[in-house]
Amino acid sequence: MAKIERESINFKLPKPLADALRAKASELNTTATDLVIRGLHHVLGDVPGVETSIESRLHQLEEEFLHLASSKDENSTNTHHEERITALEGKLEALNIRLAQFEGALMQMQHSLNASKPRQKSGYSYQHNFQPPQLQPFNEQNLAMRLNTNVSTLQEKRATFSPREFELWCKDRDPSKHGWRFNERDGLYHPVR
């Protein structure tokens, strides 16, 4: 994706709004600028020359899904909302499948690169211990997005399930079928094969 040129604009916000923006950015483990960009995308819609990241798009879809699900509870006879929710669920599933495909393709490319490396023909041989790309630990928000859920559900499952049950629950939802384990020391979720 091409790097988008950014321009600095100085806005004067009411102090309570600025404080709330900083607090929400900290809560979501992002920046105030990214939250403002999300808000602008929400108000302006698609703007030519500005592409949203997959993570931002997934977040937008999740917010729309939650909004539609809550409005469905309020008025369950509205078939239009049900159709939109079904379509949104399909899009989320397609994105999860696509992400899993990318991960598999990356691992296959790494394997192919390792297999095609020429060996030295000198009197000794050497081995490279190339490992396929490894998943890094995730914070709660990123793992919730990966598992197609929200932070509160993730926290609830971790609190009510045993560690093994939680790993299996994560594995069922993870696009690459990884389990996840919470580490108290660093506060992150680590992948478990």
Protein backbone atom coordinates (compact mmCIF):
# COMPACT_ATOMS: atom_id res chain seq x y z
CA MET A 1 0.00 0.00 0.00
CA ALA A 2 1.38 3.43 -0.93
CA LYS A 3 2.35 5.70 1.91
CA ILE A 4 -0.16 8.50 2.31
CA GLU A 5 1.25 11.97 2.78
CA ARG A 6 0.01 13.58 5.99
CA GLU A 7 -0.54 17.24 6.71
CA SER A 8 -0.53 18.81 10.15
CA ILE A 9 -3.64 20.82 11.00
CA ASN A 10 -4.04 22.67 14.26
CA PHE A 11 -7.51 22.41 15.80
CA LYS A 12 -8.71 23.94 19.02
CA LEU A 13 -11.00 21.50 20.81
CA PRO A 14 -12.97 22.07 23.99
CA LYS A 15 -10.82 20.78 26.86
CA PRO A 16 -13.31 18.07 27.97
CA LEU A 17 -13.46 16.77 24.39
CA ALA A 18 -9.66 16.74 24.06
CA ASP A 19 -9.35 14.93 27.42
CA ALA A 20 -11.98 12.37 26.38
CA LEU A 21 -10.18 11.83 23.05
CA ARG A 22 -6.85 11.16 24.78
CA ALA A 23 -8.50 8.84 27.32
CA LYS A 24 -10.27 6.83 24.61
CA ALA A 25 -7.06 6.58 22.56
CA SER A 26 -5.23 5.26 25.62
CA GLU A 27 -8.05 2.80 26.36
CA LEU A 28 -7.96 1.48 22.77
CA ASN A 29 -4.14 1.45 22.71
CA THR A 30 -4.01 3.78 19.71
CA THR A 31 -3.35 7.46 19.05
CA ALA A 32 -5.69 10.42 19.19
CA THR A 33 -4.81 11.09 15.54
CA ASP A 34 -6.00 7.63 14.52
CA LEU A 35 -9.27 8.15 16.38
CA VAL A 36 -9.80 11.50 14.63
CA ILE A 37 -9.08 9.81 11.27
CA ARG A 38 -11.64 7.09 12.07
CA GLY A 39 -14.17 9.77 12.96
CA LEU A 40 -13.51 11.62 9.73
CA HIS A 41 -13.93 8.39 7.75
CA HIS A 42 -17.24 7.86 9.54
CA VAL A 43 -18.48 11.37 8.67
CA LEU A 44 -16.96 11.76 5.19
CA GLY A 45 -17.16 8.15 4.00
CA ASP A 46 -14.62 6.98 1.42
CA VAL A 47 -12.26 9.73 0.25
CA PRO A 48 -10.29 9.12 -2.98
CA GLY A 49 -6.56 8.69 -2.30
CA VAL A 50 -7.06 7.60 1.32
CA GLU A 51 -7.20 3.89 1.93
CA THR A 52 -8.07 2.44 5.31
CA SER A 53 -5.95 -0.33 6.77
CA ILE A 54 -7.34 -3.84 7.16
CA GLU A 55 -7.32 -3.35 10.94
CA SER A 56 -9.32 -0.11 10.64
CA ARG A 57 -11.76 -1.70 8.20
CA LEU A 58 -12.26 -4.71 10.50
CA HIS A 59 -12.87 -2.33 13.39
CA GLN A 60 -15.44 -0.40 11.32
CA LEU A 61 -17.20 -3.61 10.33
CA GLU A 62 -17.26 -4.81 13.93
CA GLU A 63 -18.75 -1.50 15.10
CA GLU A 64 -21.40 -1.66 12.37
CA PHE A 65 -22.16 -5.26 13.27
CA LEU A 66 -22.56 -4.43 16.98
CA HIS A 67 -24.75 -1.44 16.11
CA LEU A 68 -26.93 -3.56 13.83
CA ALA A 69 -27.14 -6.35 16.39
CA SER A 70 -28.29 -3.95 19.11
CA SER A 71 -30.85 -2.35 16.81
CA LYS A 72 -32.06 -5.84 15.88
CA ASP A 73 -32.79 -6.49 19.55
CA GLU A 74 -34.86 -3.31 19.70
CA ASN A 75 -36.92 -4.16 16.63
CA SER A 76 -36.60 -7.83 15.70
CA THR A 77 -39.20 -7.62 12.92
CA ASN A 78 -37.05 -5.43 10.70
CA THR A 79 -35.86 -7.81 7.97
CA HIS A 80 -33.69 -5.12 6.38
CA HIS A 81 -31.46 -5.08 9.47
CA GLU A 82 -31.33 -8.87 9.51
CA GLU A 83 -30.20 -8.92 5.89
CA ARG A 84 -27.51 -6.33 6.62
CA ILE A 85 -26.30 -8.30 9.66
CA THR A 86 -26.12 -11.50 7.60
CA ALA A 87 -24.18 -9.69 4.87
CA LEU A 88 -21.85 -8.15 7.46
CA GLU A 89 -21.22 -11.53 9.10
CA GLY A 90 -20.34 -12.91 5.65
CA LYS A 91 -17.90 -10.07 5.03
CA LEU A 92 -16.22 -10.60 8.41
CA GLU A 93 -15.90 -14.32 7.77
CA ALA A 94 -14.48 -13.64 4.29
CA LEU A 95 -11.91 -11.23 5.78
CA ASN A 96 -10.91 -13.81 8.40
CA ILE A 97 -10.50 -16.48 5.72
CA ARG A 98 -8.48 -14.09 3.55
CA LEU A 99 -6.17 -13.22 6.46
CA ALA A 100 -5.63 -16.92 7.15
CA GLN A 101 -4.84 -17.45 3.45
CA PHE A 102 -2.26 -14.64 3.55
CA GLU A 103 -0.65 -16.19 6.61
CA GLY A 104 -0.51 -19.59 4.89
CA ALA A 105 0.93 -18.05 1.72
CA LEU A 106 3.64 -16.28 3.73
CA MET A 107 4.59 -19.53 5.44
CA GLN A 108 4.69 -21.33 2.07
CA MET A 109 6.88 -18.58 0.58
CA GLN A 110 9.27 -18.85 3.52
CA HIS A 111 9.42 -22.62 3.10
CA SER A 112 10.09 -22.26 -0.64
CA LEU A 113 12.85 -19.73 0.01
CA ASN A 114 14.49 -22.04 2.54
CA ALA A 115 14.28 -25.00 0.15
CA SER A 116 15.81 -23.07 -2.75
CA LYS A 117 18.84 -21.76 -0.83
CA PRO A 118 22.01 -23.22 -2.37
CA ARG A 119 24.31 -25.15 -0.05
CA GLN A 120 28.00 -24.33 0.04
CA LYS A 121 30.19 -26.83 -1.77
CA SER A 122 33.20 -26.40 0.48
CA GLY A 123 34.47 -29.14 2.76
CA TYR A 124 31.88 -28.39 5.38
CA SER A 125 28.19 -27.89 5.30
CA TYR A 126 26.17 -25.44 7.25
CA GLN A 127 22.55 -25.25 8.09
CA HIS A 128 20.33 -22.27 8.37
CA ASN A 129 17.69 -22.58 11.00
CA PHE A 130 15.09 -20.47 9.29
CA GLN A 131 11.81 -20.44 11.11
CA PRO A 132 8.54 -19.52 9.48
CA PRO A 133 7.16 -16.17 10.61
CA GLN A 134 5.99 -16.45 14.20
CA LEU A 135 2.93 -14.76 15.62
CA GLN A 136 3.75 -12.09 18.14
CA PRO A 137 1.85 -11.62 21.41
CA PHE A 138 -1.30 -9.48 21.17
CA ASN A 139 -2.93 -7.04 23.53
CA GLU A 140 -6.63 -7.55 24.36
CA GLN A 141 -7.99 -5.29 21.64
CA ASN A 142 -5.92 -6.83 18.83
CA LEU A 143 -6.66 -10.39 19.94
CA ALA A 144 -10.38 -9.59 20.20
CA MET A 145 -10.31 -8.29 16.62
CA ARG A 146 -8.40 -11.38 15.43
CA LEU A 147 -10.93 -13.67 17.12
CA ASN A 148 -13.86 -11.68 15.70
CA THR A 149 -15.19 -10.72 19.12
CA ASN A 150 -15.00 -7.77 21.49
CA VAL A 151 -12.77 -7.07 24.49
CA SER A 152 -15.52 -7.61 27.09
CA THR A 153 -16.34 -11.07 25.69
CA LEU A 154 -12.64 -11.95 25.61
CA GLN A 155 -12.24 -10.87 29.25
CA GLU A 156 -15.38 -12.79 30.26
CA LYS A 157 -14.19 -16.01 28.59
CA ARG A 158 -10.74 -15.74 30.17
CA ALA A 159 -12.33 -15.20 33.61
CA THR A 160 -14.88 -18.02 33.38
CA PHE A 161 -12.94 -20.69 31.47
CA SER A 162 -9.98 -22.71 32.68
CA PRO A 163 -6.74 -21.83 30.85
CA ARG A 164 -7.12 -24.96 28.68
CA GLU A 165 -10.77 -24.21 27.88
CA PHE A 166 -9.82 -20.62 26.99
CA GLU A 167 -7.08 -21.87 24.61
CA LEU A 168 -9.59 -24.19 22.90
CA TRP A 169 -12.19 -21.42 22.66
CA CYS A 170 -9.58 -19.15 21.03
CA LYS A 171 -8.43 -21.94 18.72
CA ASP A 172 -11.99 -22.42 17.46
CA ARG A 173 -12.25 -18.71 16.58
CA ASP A 174 -8.70 -18.06 15.32
CA PRO A 175 -8.33 -17.97 11.50
CA SER A 176 -5.07 -19.99 11.74
CA LYS A 177 -6.38 -22.25 14.52
CA HIS A 178 -3.91 -20.97 17.12
CA GLY A 179 -4.77 -21.18 20.80
CA TRP A 180 -3.96 -18.18 22.97
CA ARG A 181 -2.72 -17.99 26.57
CA PHE A 182 -2.71 -14.88 28.78
CA ASN A 183 0.61 -14.03 30.46
CA GLU A 184 0.18 -12.19 33.77
CA ARG A 185 3.74 -10.81 33.69
CA ASP A 186 3.47 -8.83 30.46
CA GLY A 187 -0.32 -8.57 30.22
CA LEU A 188 -0.31 -9.96 26.67
CA TYR A 189 -1.86 -12.98 24.98
CA HIS A 190 0.69 -15.39 23.56
CA PRO A 191 0.00 -17.88 20.72
CA VAL A 192 -0.05 -21.59 21.55
CA ARG A 193 0.25 -24.22 18.81
